[in-house]
Amino acid sequence: MKVLIPTPLRSYTRKSWVEAGGSTLGGVLTDLDRQYPGIRFRMVDEQDRMRPHIRFFVNGDQTFDLA
């Protein structure tokens, strides 16, 4: 799927749109981290919770669940 990378995280990807796979948001983030090491930790903490300053949208709707 196509993933929009916000400006503060583009230092990892060097582009605004990237492709990532996964059947859940958590899976997509894992694939992004495989391609761009370190990017997931900027969005998800050590307890596997979304960082409070990050917003995730799936098909235009904000989501609060990695599953």
C-alpha atoms as a PDB file:
ATOM      1  CA  MET A   1       0.000   0.000   0.000  1.00  0.00           C
ATOM      2  CA  LYS A   2       1.014   3.610  -0.448  1.00  0.00           C
ATOM      3  CA  VAL A   3       2.128   5.387   2.723  1.00  0.00           C
ATOM      4  CA  LEU A   4       2.426   9.163   3.090  1.00  0.00           C
ATOM      5  CA  ILE A   5       5.517  10.041   5.115  1.00  0.00           C
ATOM      6  CA  PRO A   6       5.206  13.326   7.045  1.00  0.00           C
ATOM      7  CA  THR A   7       7.960  15.877   6.599  1.00  0.00           C
ATOM      8  CA  PRO A   8       9.673  15.264   9.987  1.00  0.00           C
ATOM      9  CA  LEU A   9      10.199  11.573   9.092  1.00  0.00           C
ATOM     10  CA  ARG A  10      11.404  12.054   5.519  1.00  0.00           C
ATOM     11  CA  SER A  11      15.009  11.991   6.670  1.00  0.00           C
ATOM     12  CA  TYR A  12      14.497   8.206   6.855  1.00  0.00           C
ATOM     13  CA  THR A  13      12.854   7.697   3.454  1.00  0.00           C
ATOM     14  CA  ARG A  14      14.081  10.672   1.389  1.00  0.00           C
ATOM     15  CA  LYS A  15      10.630  10.740  -0.261  1.00  0.00           C
ATOM     16  CA  SER A  16       7.087  11.711   0.632  1.00  0.00           C
ATOM     17  CA  TRP A  17       5.367   8.489  -0.528  1.00  0.00           C
ATOM     18  CA  VAL A  18       6.627   4.920  -0.056  1.00  0.00           C
ATOM     19  CA  GLU A  19       5.223   1.414  -0.525  1.00  0.00           C
ATOM     20  CA  ALA A  20       4.798  -0.937   2.441  1.00  0.00           C
ATOM     21  CA  GLY A  21       2.971  -4.192   3.009  1.00  0.00           C
ATOM     22  CA  GLY A  22       1.053  -5.620   5.919  1.00  0.00           C
ATOM     23  CA  SER A  23      -2.459  -6.686   6.865  1.00  0.00           C
ATOM     24  CA  THR A  24      -2.554  -4.370   9.911  1.00  0.00           C
ATOM     25  CA  LEU A  25      -1.141  -0.963  10.745  1.00  0.00           C
ATOM     26  CA  GLY A  26       1.414  -2.705  12.958  1.00  0.00           C
ATOM     27  CA  GLY A  27       2.423  -4.897  10.026  1.00  0.00           C
ATOM     28  CA  VAL A  28       2.845  -1.886   7.757  1.00  0.00           C
ATOM     29  CA  LEU A  29       5.020  -0.167  10.367  1.00  0.00           C
ATOM     30  CA  THR A  30       7.136  -3.299  10.699  1.00  0.00           C
ATOM     31  CA  ASP A  31       7.640  -3.387   6.925  1.00  0.00           C
ATOM     32  CA  LEU A  32       8.516   0.326   6.900  1.00  0.00           C
ATOM     33  CA  ASP A  33      11.102  -0.318   9.618  1.00  0.00           C
ATOM     34  CA  ARG A  34      12.575  -3.175   7.594  1.00  0.00           C
ATOM     35  CA  GLN A  35      13.014  -0.834   4.632  1.00  0.00           C
ATOM     36  CA  TYR A  36      13.934   2.275   6.649  1.00  0.00           C
ATOM     37  CA  PRO A  37      15.539   1.179   9.929  1.00  0.00           C
ATOM     38  CA  GLY A  38      14.596   3.295  12.925  1.00  0.00           C
ATOM     39  CA  ILE A  39      11.439   4.877  11.511  1.00  0.00           C
ATOM     40  CA  ARG A  40       9.031   2.717  13.565  1.00  0.00           C
ATOM     41  CA  PHE A  41      10.592   3.760  16.874  1.00  0.00           C
ATOM     42  CA  ARG A  42       9.840   7.390  16.025  1.00  0.00           C
ATOM     43  CA  MET A  43       6.127   6.480  15.824  1.00  0.00           C
ATOM     44  CA  VAL A  44       5.684   3.625  18.342  1.00  0.00           C
ATOM     45  CA  ASP A  45       7.217   3.376  21.820  1.00  0.00           C
ATOM     46  CA  GLU A  46       8.857   0.461  23.656  1.00  0.00           C
ATOM     47  CA  GLN A  47       5.473  -0.757  24.950  1.00  0.00           C
ATOM     48  CA  ASP A  48       4.171  -0.957  21.365  1.00  0.00           C
ATOM     49  CA  ARG A  49       1.920   2.080  21.862  1.00  0.00           C
ATOM     50  CA  MET A  50       1.491   4.910  19.393  1.00  0.00           C
ATOM     51  CA  ARG A  51       3.433   7.969  20.479  1.00  0.00           C
ATOM     52  CA  PRO A  52       1.000  10.736  21.519  1.00  0.00           C
ATOM     53  CA  HIS A  53       2.318  13.302  19.023  1.00  0.00           C
ATOM     54  CA  ILE A  54       1.864  10.961  16.035  1.00  0.00           C
ATOM     55  CA  ARG A  55      -1.426  10.567  14.148  1.00  0.00           C
ATOM     56  CA  PHE A  56      -2.230   7.559  11.977  1.00  0.00           C
ATOM     57  CA  PHE A  57      -4.856   7.588   9.244  1.00  0.00           C
ATOM     58  CA  VAL A  58      -6.120   4.582   7.295  1.00  0.00           C
ATOM     59  CA  ASN A  59      -8.229   5.422   4.243  1.00  0.00           C
ATOM     60  CA  GLY A  60      -8.732   8.942   5.594  1.00  0.00           C
ATOM     61  CA  ASP A  61      -9.959   7.862   9.051  1.00  0.00           C
ATOM     62  CA  GLN A  62      -7.814   8.352  12.148  1.00  0.00           C
ATOM     63  CA  THR A  63      -6.995   5.119  13.929  1.00  0.00           C
ATOM     64  CA  PHE A  64      -5.735   4.485  17.449  1.00  0.00           C
ATOM     65  CA  ASP A  65      -5.024   0.754  17.125  1.00  0.00           C
ATOM     66  CA  LEU A  66      -2.029  -1.019  15.568  1.00  0.00           C
ATOM     67  CA  ALA A  67      -4.098  -4.192  15.069  1.00  0.00           C
END
